[in-house]
Amino acid sequence: MYKVVVITDPESATGFRLAGSDVLEVEDSFEASRVLSSLLHEEETGIIAIREDYLANLDKSLYEQVERCYHPVIIPIPAPRKGDEVSGYVERLLRRAIGYNVVMRS
């Protein structure tokens, strides 16, 4: 069975883990590029969800590789907007993904 892997920042990682995904936390676009490059060659990875701003900052050769690959499937996910609380961002993503409003309490 293929697995879903999410590449995101540490602040958003918990919400994706709660949704049942494998999560790889990265600090910046450079680290995201390195992680994505290694995941492209793993057979068991079926879907990679990566923050859209990380995807937009890939170097040209890696971006072209992502554009040409059909396995794994690469899905951009929205990055947090300025002023967003982390819980609000994760709640918005979960609502889009599962169709229900999940309220996170601390």
PDB file of N, CA and C in Angstrom:
ATOM      1  N   MET A   1       0.843  -1.173   0.000  1.00  0.00           N
ATOM      2  CA  MET A   1       0.000   0.000   0.000  1.00  0.00           C
ATOM      3  C   MET A   1       0.885   1.232   0.000  1.00  0.00           C
ATOM      4  N   TYR A   2       0.497   2.218  -0.794  1.00  0.00           N
ATOM      5  CA  TYR A   2       1.238   3.465  -0.854  1.00  0.00           C
ATOM      6  C   TYR A   2       0.939   4.322   0.362  1.00  0.00           C
ATOM      7  N   LYS A   3       1.892   5.189   0.698  1.00  0.00           N
ATOM      8  CA  LYS A   3       1.666   6.086   1.823  1.00  0.00           C
ATOM      9  C   LYS A   3       1.594   7.528   1.344  1.00  0.00           C
ATOM     10  N   VAL A   4       0.944   8.349   2.152  1.00  0.00           N
ATOM     11  CA  VAL A   4       0.836   9.784   1.915  1.00  0.00           C
ATOM     12  C   VAL A   4       1.857  10.468   2.814  1.00  0.00           C
ATOM     13  N   VAL A   5       2.663  11.329   2.217  1.00  0.00           N
ATOM     14  CA  VAL A   5       3.678  12.058   2.969  1.00  0.00           C
ATOM     15  C   VAL A   5       3.429  13.546   2.782  1.00  0.00           C
ATOM     16  N   VAL A   6       3.484  14.294   3.883  1.00  0.00           N
ATOM     17  CA  VAL A   6       3.301  15.738   3.842  1.00  0.00           C
ATOM     18  C   VAL A   6       4.619  16.404   4.211  1.00  0.00           C
ATOM     19  N   ILE A   7       5.047  17.354   3.385  1.00  0.00           N
ATOM     20  CA  ILE A   7       6.237  18.155   3.676  1.00  0.00           C
ATOM     21  C   ILE A   7       5.742  19.539   4.058  1.00  0.00           C
ATOM     22  N   THR A   8       5.966  19.912   5.311  1.00  0.00           N
ATOM     23  CA  THR A   8       5.447  21.189   5.795  1.00  0.00           C
ATOM     24  C   THR A   8       6.316  21.726   6.922  1.00  0.00           C
ATOM     25  N   ASP A   9       5.945  22.884   7.407  1.00  0.00           N
ATOM     26  CA  ASP A   9       6.665  23.527   8.507  1.00  0.00           C
ATOM     27  C   ASP A   9       6.286  22.872   9.840  1.00  0.00           C
ATOM     28  N   PRO A  10       7.127  23.029  10.861  1.00  0.00           N
ATOM     29  CA  PRO A  10       6.848  22.402  12.161  1.00  0.00           C
ATOM     30  C   PRO A  10       5.524  22.861  12.795  1.00  0.00           C
ATOM     31  N   GLU A  11       5.125  24.093  12.538  1.00  0.00           N
ATOM     32  CA  GLU A  11       3.901  24.606  13.155  1.00  0.00           C
ATOM     33  C   GLU A  11       2.648  23.919  12.614  1.00  0.00           C
ATOM     34  N   SER A  12       2.678  23.490  11.370  1.00  0.00           N
ATOM     35  CA  SER A  12       1.510  22.853  10.751  1.00  0.00           C
ATOM     36  C   SER A  12       1.539  21.335  10.835  1.00  0.00           C
ATOM     37  N   ALA A  13       2.661  20.776  11.227  1.00  0.00           N
ATOM     38  CA  ALA A  13       2.868  19.328  11.181  1.00  0.00           C
ATOM     39  C   ALA A  13       1.867  18.540  12.029  1.00  0.00           C
ATOM     40  N   THR A  14       1.554  19.028  13.208  1.00  0.00           N
ATOM     41  CA  THR A  14       0.667  18.298  14.114  1.00  0.00           C
ATOM     42  C   THR A  14      -0.707  18.052  13.497  1.00  0.00           C
ATOM     43  N   GLY A  15      -1.244  19.048  12.838  1.00  0.00           N
ATOM     44  CA  GLY A  15      -2.558  18.886  12.217  1.00  0.00           C
ATOM     45  C   GLY A  15      -2.568  17.802  11.151  1.00  0.00           C
ATOM     46  N   PHE A  16      -1.504  17.729  10.378  1.00  0.00           N
ATOM     47  CA  PHE A  16      -1.426  16.688   9.349  1.00  0.00           C
ATOM     48  C   PHE A  16      -1.231  15.316   9.974  1.00  0.00           C
ATOM     49  N   ARG A  17      -0.505  15.266  11.076  1.00  0.00           N
ATOM     50  CA  ARG A  17      -0.358  13.987  11.776  1.00  0.00           C
ATOM     51  C   ARG A  17      -1.708  13.526  12.322  1.00  0.00           C
ATOM     52  N   LEU A  18      -2.492  14.470  12.838  1.00  0.00           N
ATOM     53  CA  LEU A  18      -3.832  14.126  13.337  1.00  0.00           C
ATOM     54  C   LEU A  18      -4.716  13.579  12.224  1.00  0.00           C
ATOM     55  N   ALA A  19      -4.460  14.013  11.001  1.00  0.00           N
ATOM     56  CA  ALA A  19      -5.229  13.525   9.856  1.00  0.00           C
ATOM     57  C   ALA A  19      -4.721  12.166   9.370  1.00  0.00           C
ATOM     58  N   GLY A  20      -3.651  11.658   9.983  1.00  0.00           N
ATOM     59  CA  GLY A  20      -3.162  10.326   9.659  1.00  0.00           C
ATOM     60  C   GLY A  20      -2.054  10.252   8.630  1.00  0.00           C
ATOM     61  N   SER A  21      -1.452  11.378   8.295  1.00  0.00           N
ATOM     62  CA  SER A  21      -0.385  11.398   7.300  1.00  0.00           C
ATOM     63  C   SER A  21       0.983  11.247   7.947  1.00  0.00           C
ATOM     64  N   ASP A  22       1.927  10.705   7.176  1.00  0.00           N
ATOM     65  CA  ASP A  22       3.329  10.780   7.570  1.00  0.00           C
ATOM     66  C   ASP A  22       3.767  12.209   7.283  1.00  0.00           C
ATOM     67  N   VAL A  23       4.460  12.826   8.219  1.00  0.00           N
ATOM     68  CA  VAL A  23       4.833  14.225   8.068  1.00  0.00           C
ATOM     69  C   VAL A  23       6.341  14.378   8.195  1.00  0.00           C
ATOM     70  N   LEU A  24       6.908  15.145   7.273  1.00  0.00           N
ATOM     71  CA  LEU A  24       8.311  15.509   7.343  1.00  0.00           C
ATOM     72  C   LEU A  24       8.375  17.016   7.549  1.00  0.00           C
ATOM     73  N   GLU A  25       8.910  17.419   8.680  1.00  0.00           N
ATOM     74  CA  GLU A  25       8.994  18.834   9.015  1.00  0.00           C
ATOM     75  C   GLU A  25      10.267  19.431   8.429  1.00  0.00           C
ATOM     76  N   VAL A  26      10.118  20.578   7.784  1.00  0.00           N
ATOM     77  CA  VAL A  26      11.262  21.299   7.233  1.00  0.00           C
ATOM     78  C   VAL A  26      11.172  22.756   7.666  1.00  0.00           C
ATOM     79  N   GLU A  27      12.319  23.402   7.702  1.00  0.00           N
ATOM     80  CA  GLU A  27      12.369  24.796   8.149  1.00  0.00           C
ATOM     81  C   GLU A  27      12.249  25.798   7.012  1.00  0.00           C
ATOM     82  N   ASP A  28      12.636  25.381   5.781  1.00  0.00           N
ATOM     83  CA  ASP A  28      12.644  26.336   4.672  1.00  0.00           C
ATOM     84  C   ASP A  28      12.553  25.607   3.330  1.00  0.00           C
ATOM     85  N   SER A  29      12.518  26.387   2.263  1.00  0.00           N
ATOM     86  CA  SER A  29      12.387  25.829   0.919  1.00  0.00           C
ATOM     87  C   SER A  29      13.582  24.968   0.520  1.00  0.00           C
ATOM     88  N   PHE A  30      14.769  25.360   0.954  1.00  0.00           N
ATOM     89  CA  PHE A  30      15.967  24.586   0.616  1.00  0.00           C
ATOM     90  C   PHE A  30      15.877  23.182   1.199  1.00  0.00           C
ATOM     91  N   GLU A  31      15.502  23.085   2.462  1.00  0.00           N
ATOM     92  CA  GLU A  31      15.365  21.770   3.107  1.00  0.00           C
ATOM     93  C   GLU A  31      14.221  20.978   2.475  1.00  0.00           C
ATOM     94  N   ALA A  32      13.139  21.657   2.110  1.00  0.00           N
ATOM     95  CA  ALA A  32      12.008  20.986   1.450  1.00  0.00           C
ATOM     96  C   ALA A  32      12.446  20.397   0.116  1.00  0.00           C
ATOM     97  N   SER A  33      13.288  21.101  -0.621  1.00  0.00           N
ATOM     98  CA  SER A  33      13.795  20.598  -1.899  1.00  0.00           C
ATOM     99  C   SER A  33      14.601  19.324  -1.708  1.00  0.00           C
ATOM    100  N   ARG A  34      15.437  19.305  -0.700  1.00  0.00           N
ATOM    101  CA  ARG A  34      16.274  18.142  -0.417  1.00  0.00           C
ATOM    102  C   ARG A  34      15.400  16.936  -0.063  1.00  0.00           C
ATOM    103  N   VAL A  35      14.413  17.148   0.799  1.00  0.00           N
ATOM    104  CA  VAL A  35      13.521  16.066   1.220  1.00  0.00           C
ATOM    105  C   VAL A  35      12.681  15.568   0.046  1.00  0.00           C
ATOM    106  N   LEU A  36      12.128  16.488  -0.731  1.00  0.00           N
ATOM    107  CA  LEU A  36      11.309  16.106  -1.884  1.00  0.00           C
ATOM    108  C   LEU A  36      12.127  15.290  -2.882  1.00  0.00           C
ATOM    109  N   SER A  37      13.339  15.712  -3.138  1.00  0.00           N
ATOM    110  CA  SER A  37      14.203  15.005  -4.077  1.00  0.00           C
ATOM    111  C   SER A  37      14.413  13.548  -3.669  1.00  0.00           C
ATOM    112  N   SER A  38      14.601  13.306  -2.383  1.00  0.00           N
ATOM    113  CA  SER A  38      14.800  11.926  -1.924  1.00  0.00           C
ATOM    114  C   SER A  38      13.498  11.121  -1.971  1.00  0.00           C
ATOM    115  N   LEU A  39      12.357  11.759  -1.706  1.00  0.00           N
ATOM    116  CA  LEU A  39      11.074  11.052  -1.724  1.00  0.00           C
ATOM    117  C   LEU A  39      10.646  10.626  -3.126  1.00  0.00           C
ATOM    118  N   LEU A  40      11.085  11.351  -4.128  1.00  0.00           N
ATOM    119  CA  LEU A  40      10.691  11.025  -5.501  1.00  0.00           C
ATOM    120  C   LEU A  40      11.164   9.647  -5.922  1.00  0.00           C
ATOM    121  N   HIS A  41      12.152   9.101  -5.230  1.00  0.00           N
ATOM    122  CA  HIS A  41      12.716   7.815  -5.601  1.00  0.00           C
ATOM    123  C   HIS A  41      12.272   6.674  -4.685  1.00  0.00           C
ATOM    124  N   GLU A  42      11.376   6.943  -3.754  1.00  0.00           N
ATOM    125  CA  GLU A  42      10.875   5.901  -2.860  1.00  0.00           C
ATOM    126  C   GLU A  42       9.631   5.265  -3.460  1.00  0.00           C
ATOM    127  N   GLU A  43       9.670   3.975  -3.645  1.00  0.00           N
ATOM    128  CA  GLU A  43       8.558   3.245  -4.271  1.00  0.00           C
ATOM    129  C   GLU A  43       7.286   3.259  -3.426  1.00  0.00           C
ATOM    130  N   GLU A  44       7.411   3.234  -2.098  1.00  0.00           N
ATOM    131  CA  GLU A  44       6.224   3.122  -1.244  1.00  0.00           C
ATOM    132  C   GLU A  44       5.469   4.440  -1.079  1.00  0.00           C
ATOM    133  N   THR A  45       6.042   5.547  -1.529  1.00  0.00           N
ATOM    134  CA  THR A  45       5.367   6.838  -1.428  1.00  0.00           C
ATOM    135  C   THR A  45       4.460   7.021  -2.636  1.00  0.00           C
ATOM    136  N   GLY A  46       3.158   7.196  -2.384  1.00  0.00           N
ATOM    137  CA  GLY A  46       2.188   7.354  -3.466  1.00  0.00           C
ATOM    138  C   GLY A  46       1.769   8.783  -3.695  1.00  0.00           C
ATOM    139  N   ILE A  47       1.678   9.549  -2.608  1.00  0.00           N
ATOM    140  CA  ILE A  47       1.266  10.949  -2.700  1.00  0.00           C
ATOM    141  C   ILE A  47       2.186  11.777  -1.816  1.00  0.00           C
ATOM    142  N   ILE A  48       2.661  12.880  -2.362  1.00  0.00           N
ATOM    143  CA  ILE A  48       3.437  13.840  -1.583  1.00  0.00           C
ATOM    144  C   ILE A  48       2.677  15.154  -1.610  1.00  0.00           C
ATOM    145  N   ALA A  49       2.276  15.619  -0.450  1.00  0.00           N
ATOM    146  CA  ALA A  49       1.647  16.933  -0.331  1.00  0.00           C
ATOM    147  C   ALA A  49       2.717  17.877   0.206  1.00  0.00           C
ATOM    148  N   ILE A  50       2.919  18.980  -0.465  1.00  0.00           N
ATOM    149  CA  ILE A  50       3.971  19.921  -0.093  1.00  0.00           C
ATOM    150  C   ILE A  50       3.415  21.342  -0.138  1.00  0.00           C
ATOM    151  N   ARG A  51       3.857  22.153   0.804  1.00  0.00           N
ATOM    152  CA  ARG A  51       3.395  23.541   0.824  1.00  0.00           C
ATOM    153  C   ARG A  51       3.666  24.206  -0.511  1.00  0.00           C
ATOM    154  N   GLU A  52       2.699  24.955  -1.002  1.00  0.00           N
ATOM    155  CA  GLU A  52       2.808  25.574  -2.314  1.00  0.00           C
ATOM    156  C   GLU A  52       3.984  26.536  -2.419  1.00  0.00           C
ATOM    157  N   ASP A  53       4.327  27.224  -1.351  1.00  0.00           N
ATOM    158  CA  ASP A  53       5.466  28.136  -1.425  1.00  0.00           C
ATOM    159  C   ASP A  53       6.786  27.373  -1.518  1.00  0.00           C
ATOM    160  N   TYR A  54       6.876  26.202  -0.900  1.00  0.00           N
ATOM    161  CA  TYR A  54       8.066  25.364  -1.052  1.00  0.00           C
ATOM    162  C   TYR A  54       8.170  24.870  -2.487  1.00  0.00           C
ATOM    163  N   LEU A  55       7.053  24.456  -3.047  1.00  0.00           N
ATOM    164  CA  LEU A  55       7.030  23.948  -4.419  1.00  0.00           C
ATOM    165  C   LEU A  55       7.425  25.047  -5.408  1.00  0.00           C
ATOM    166  N   ALA A  56       6.962  26.250  -5.166  1.00  0.00           N
ATOM    167  CA  ALA A  56       7.263  27.376  -6.055  1.00  0.00           C
ATOM    168  C   ALA A  56       8.741  27.758  -6.025  1.00  0.00           C
ATOM    169  N   ASN A  57       9.438  27.433  -4.946  1.00  0.00           N
ATOM    170  CA  ASN A  57      10.840  27.818  -4.809  1.00  0.00           C
ATOM    171  C   ASN A  57      11.824  26.706  -5.156  1.00  0.00           C
ATOM    172  N   LEU A  58      11.351  25.624  -5.774  1.00  0.00           N
ATOM    173  CA  LEU A  58      12.257  24.558  -6.181  1.00  0.00           C
ATOM    174  C   LEU A  58      13.187  25.067  -7.275  1.00  0.00           C
ATOM    175  N   ASP A  59      14.405  24.505  -7.307  1.00  0.00           N
ATOM    176  CA  ASP A  59      15.280  24.884  -8.416  1.00  0.00           C
ATOM    177  C   ASP A  59      14.699  24.315  -9.708  1.00  0.00           C
ATOM    178  N   LYS A  60      15.123  24.883 -10.831  1.00  0.00           N
ATOM    179  CA  LYS A  60      14.507  24.573 -12.121  1.00  0.00           C
ATOM    180  C   LYS A  60      14.564  23.089 -12.461  1.00  0.00           C
ATOM    181  N   SER A  61      15.685  22.441 -12.244  1.00  0.00           N
ATOM    182  CA  SER A  61      15.799  21.028 -12.631  1.00  0.00           C
ATOM    183  C   SER A  61      14.892  20.124 -11.791  1.00  0.00           C
ATOM    184  N   LEU A  62      14.797  20.389 -10.476  1.00  0.00           N
ATOM    185  CA  LEU A  62      13.913  19.591  -9.630  1.00  0.00           C
ATOM    186  C   LEU A  62      12.452  19.861  -9.984  1.00  0.00           C
ATOM    187  N   TYR A  63      12.112  21.110 -10.264  1.00  0.00           N
ATOM    188  CA  TYR A  63      10.741  21.442 -10.635  1.00  0.00           C
ATOM    189  C   TYR A  63      10.349  20.714 -11.924  1.00  0.00           C
ATOM    190  N   GLU A  64      11.255  20.672 -12.890  1.00  0.00           N
ATOM    191  CA  GLU A  64      10.966  19.968 -14.139  1.00  0.00           C
ATOM    192  C   GLU A  64      10.792  18.474 -13.888  1.00  0.00           C
ATOM    193  N   GLN A  65      11.584  17.925 -12.977  1.00  0.00           N
ATOM    194  CA  GLN A  65      11.442  16.510 -12.627  1.00  0.00           C
ATOM    195  C   GLN A  65      10.078  16.243 -12.008  1.00  0.00           C
ATOM    196  N   VAL A  66       9.641  17.137 -11.124  1.00  0.00           N
ATOM    197  CA  VAL A  66       8.320  17.008 -10.492  1.00  0.00           C
ATOM    198  C   VAL A  66       7.218  17.095 -11.549  1.00  0.00           C
ATOM    199  N   GLU A  67       7.366  17.994 -12.495  1.00  0.00           N
ATOM    200  CA  GLU A  67       6.369  18.163 -13.549  1.00  0.00           C
ATOM    201  C   GLU A  67       6.250  16.922 -14.437  1.00  0.00           C
ATOM    202  N   ARG A  68       7.349  16.213 -14.639  1.00  0.00           N
ATOM    203  CA  ARG A  68       7.351  15.044 -15.517  1.00  0.00           C
ATOM    204  C   ARG A  68       6.928  13.756 -14.802  1.00  0.00           C
ATOM    205  N   CYS A  69       7.050  13.713 -13.499  1.00  0.00           N
ATOM    206  CA  CYS A  69       6.798  12.441 -12.804  1.00  0.00           C
ATOM    207  C   CYS A  69       5.296  12.194 -12.637  1.00  0.00           C
ATOM    208  N   TYR A  70       4.920  10.941 -12.756  1.00  0.00           N
ATOM    209  CA  TYR A  70       3.534  10.549 -12.540  1.00  0.00           C
ATOM    210  C   TYR A  70       3.393   9.744 -11.252  1.00  0.00           C
ATOM    211  N   HIS A  71       4.506   9.292 -10.709  1.00  0.00           N
ATOM    212  CA  HIS A  71       4.507   8.581  -9.434  1.00  0.00           C
ATOM    213  C   HIS A  71       5.743   8.985  -8.658  1.00  0.00           C
ATOM    214  N   PRO A  72       5.604   9.481  -7.490  1.00  0.00           N
ATOM    215  CA  PRO A  72       4.372   9.746  -6.751  1.00  0.00           C
ATOM    216  C   PRO A  72       3.660  11.002  -7.272  1.00  0.00           C
ATOM    217  N   VAL A  73       2.401  11.122  -6.892  1.00  0.00           N
ATOM    218  CA  VAL A  73       1.609  12.298  -7.239  1.00  0.00           C
ATOM    219  C   VAL A  73       1.999  13.417  -6.277  1.00  0.00           C
ATOM    220  N   ILE A  74       2.290  14.596  -6.816  1.00  0.00           N
ATOM    221  CA  ILE A  74       2.677  15.752  -6.006  1.00  0.00           C
ATOM    222  C   ILE A  74       1.486  16.698  -5.929  1.00  0.00           C
ATOM    223  N   ILE A  75       1.081  17.021  -4.699  1.00  0.00           N
ATOM    224  CA  ILE A  75      -0.075  17.896  -4.483  1.00  0.00           C
ATOM    225  C   ILE A  75       0.369  19.120  -3.684  1.00  0.00           C
ATOM    226  N   PRO A  76       0.190  20.324  -4.230  1.00  0.00           N
ATOM    227  CA  PRO A  76       0.509  21.517  -3.446  1.00  0.00           C
ATOM    228  C   PRO A  76      -0.588  21.778  -2.410  1.00  0.00           C
ATOM    229  N   ILE A  77      -0.176  22.190  -1.231  1.00  0.00           N
ATOM    230  CA  ILE A  77      -1.141  22.561  -0.197  1.00  0.00           C
ATOM    231  C   ILE A  77      -0.910  24.034   0.160  1.00  0.00           C
ATOM    232  N   PRO A  78      -1.965  24.744   0.483  1.00  0.00           N
ATOM    233  CA  PRO A  78      -1.809  26.167   0.782  1.00  0.00           C
ATOM    234  C   PRO A  78      -0.898  26.395   1.982  1.00  0.00           C
ATOM    235  N   ALA A  79      -0.092  27.422   1.884  1.00  0.00           N
ATOM    236  CA  ALA A  79       0.756  27.828   2.998  1.00  0.00           C
ATOM    237  C   ALA A  79      -0.062  28.710   3.939  1.00  0.00           C
ATOM    238  N   PRO A  80       0.307  28.742   5.216  1.00  0.00           N
ATOM    239  CA  PRO A  80      -0.406  29.647   6.126  1.00  0.00           C
ATOM    240  C   PRO A  80      -0.294  31.086   5.646  1.00  0.00           C
ATOM    241  N   ARG A  81      -1.368  31.829   5.797  1.00  0.00           N
ATOM    242  CA  ARG A  81      -1.357  33.243   5.423  1.00  0.00           C
ATOM    243  C   ARG A  81      -0.882  34.065   6.603  1.00  0.00           C
ATOM    244  N   LYS A  82      -0.344  35.230   6.312  1.00  0.00           N
ATOM    245  CA  LYS A  82       0.077  36.124   7.394  1.00  0.00           C
ATOM    246  C   LYS A  82      -1.119  36.419   8.288  1.00  0.00           C
ATOM    247  N   GLY A  83      -0.886  36.338   9.572  1.00  0.00           N
ATOM    248  CA  GLY A  83      -1.944  36.611  10.527  1.00  0.00           C
ATOM    249  C   GLY A  83      -2.771  35.397  10.901  1.00  0.00           C
ATOM    250  N   ASP A  84      -2.617  34.292  10.161  1.00  0.00           N
ATOM    251  CA  ASP A  84      -3.325  33.060  10.495  1.00  0.00           C
ATOM    252  C   ASP A  84      -2.761  32.472  11.781  1.00  0.00           C
ATOM    253  N   GLU A  85      -3.642  32.020  12.632  1.00  0.00           N
ATOM    254  CA  GLU A  85      -3.195  31.201  13.748  1.00  0.00           C
ATOM    255  C   GLU A  85      -2.994  29.798  13.198  1.00  0.00           C
ATOM    256  N   VAL A  86      -2.081  29.069  13.776  1.00  0.00           N
ATOM    257  CA  VAL A  86      -1.801  27.710  13.300  1.00  0.00           C
ATOM    258  C   VAL A  86      -3.051  26.855  13.366  1.00  0.00           C
ATOM    259  N   SER A  87      -3.784  26.937  14.466  1.00  0.00           N
ATOM    260  CA  SER A  87      -4.978  26.098  14.595  1.00  0.00           C
ATOM    261  C   SER A  87      -6.013  26.457  13.533  1.00  0.00           C
ATOM    262  N   GLY A  88      -6.158  27.733  13.203  1.00  0.00           N
ATOM    263  CA  GLY A  88      -7.096  28.148  12.168  1.00  0.00           C
ATOM    264  C   GLY A  88      -6.707  27.630  10.804  1.00  0.00           C
ATOM    265  N   TYR A  89      -5.426  27.643  10.537  1.00  0.00           N
ATOM    266  CA  TYR A  89      -4.907  27.122   9.271  1.00  0.00           C
ATOM    267  C   TYR A  89      -5.180  25.625   9.152  1.00  0.00           C
ATOM    268  N   VAL A  90      -4.874  24.883  10.186  1.00  0.00           N
ATOM    269  CA  VAL A  90      -5.075  23.435  10.168  1.00  0.00           C
ATOM    270  C   VAL A  90      -6.570  23.113  10.080  1.00  0.00           C
ATOM    271  N   GLU A  91      -7.392  23.841  10.801  1.00  0.00           N
ATOM    272  CA  GLU A  91      -8.840  23.626  10.735  1.00  0.00           C
ATOM    273  C   GLU A  91      -9.363  23.858   9.321  1.00  0.00           C
ATOM    274  N   ARG A  92      -8.873  24.899   8.656  1.00  0.00           N
ATOM    275  CA  ARG A  92      -9.287  25.193   7.289  1.00  0.00           C
ATOM    276  C   ARG A  92      -8.889  24.063   6.335  1.00  0.00           C
ATOM    277  N   LEU A  93      -7.677  23.548   6.488  1.00  0.00           N
ATOM    278  CA  LEU A  93      -7.225  22.443   5.642  1.00  0.00           C
ATOM    279  C   LEU A  93      -8.047  21.186   5.876  1.00  0.00           C
ATOM    280  N   LEU A  94      -8.311  20.874   7.138  1.00  0.00           N
ATOM    281  CA  LEU A  94      -9.106  19.687   7.451  1.00  0.00           C
ATOM    282  C   LEU A  94     -10.532  19.813   6.925  1.00  0.00           C
ATOM    283  N   ARG A  95     -11.107  21.006   7.036  1.00  0.00           N
ATOM    284  CA  ARG A  95     -12.472  21.219   6.537  1.00  0.00           C
ATOM    285  C   ARG A  95     -12.519  20.988   5.025  1.00  0.00           C
ATOM    286  N   ARG A  96     -11.499  21.463   4.299  1.00  0.00           N
ATOM    287  CA  ARG A  96     -11.438  21.233   2.852  1.00  0.00           C
ATOM    288  C   ARG A  96     -11.251  19.755   2.535  1.00  0.00           C
ATOM    289  N   ALA A  97     -10.447  19.063   3.337  1.00  0.00           N
ATOM    290  CA  ALA A  97     -10.110  17.671   3.042  1.00  0.00           C
ATOM    291  C   ALA A  97     -11.239  16.707   3.370  1.00  0.00           C
ATOM    292  N   ILE A  98     -11.894  16.902   4.516  1.00  0.00           N
ATOM    293  CA  ILE A  98     -12.891  15.920   4.950  1.00  0.00           C
ATOM    294  C   ILE A  98     -14.322  16.433   4.927  1.00  0.00           C
ATOM    295  N   GLY A  99     -14.487  17.720   4.697  1.00  0.00           N
ATOM    296  CA  GLY A  99     -15.840  18.265   4.585  1.00  0.00           C
ATOM    297  C   GLY A  99     -16.517  18.576   5.907  1.00  0.00           C
ATOM    298  N   TYR A 100     -15.773  18.497   6.981  1.00  0.00           N
ATOM    299  CA  TYR A 100     -16.316  18.820   8.302  1.00  0.00           C
ATOM    300  C   TYR A 100     -15.441  19.840   8.988  1.00  0.00           C
ATOM    301  N   ASN A 101     -16.057  20.645   9.834  1.00  0.00           N
ATOM    302  CA  ASN A 101     -15.298  21.615  10.596  1.00  0.00           C
ATOM    303  C   ASN A 101     -14.774  20.936  11.865  1.00  0.00           C
ATOM    304  N   VAL A 102     -13.470  20.834  11.974  1.00  0.00           N
ATOM    305  CA  VAL A 102     -12.827  20.239  13.146  1.00  0.00           C
ATOM    306  C   VAL A 102     -12.264  21.393  13.972  1.00  0.00           C
ATOM    307  N   VAL A 103     -12.705  21.512  15.218  1.00  0.00           N
ATOM    308  CA  VAL A 103     -12.238  22.572  16.089  1.00  0.00           C
ATOM    309  C   VAL A 103     -11.142  22.028  16.981  1.00  0.00           C
ATOM    310  N   MET A 104     -10.002  22.697  16.937  1.00  0.00           N
ATOM    311  CA  MET A 104      -8.856  22.257  17.743  1.00  0.00           C
ATOM    312  C   MET A 104      -8.803  23.108  19.003  1.00  0.00           C
ATOM    313  N   ARG A 105      -8.673  22.447  20.119  1.00  0.00           N
ATOM    314  CA  ARG A 105      -8.574  23.153  21.404  1.00  0.00           C
ATOM    315  C   ARG A 105      -7.224  22.856  22.014  1.00  0.00           C
ATOM    316  N   SER A 106      -6.677  23.848  22.700  1.00  0.00           N
ATOM    317  CA  SER A 106      -5.368  23.632  23.332  1.00  0.00           C
ATOM    318  C   SER A 106      -5.495  23.386  24.806  1.00  0.00           C
TER     319      SER A 106
END
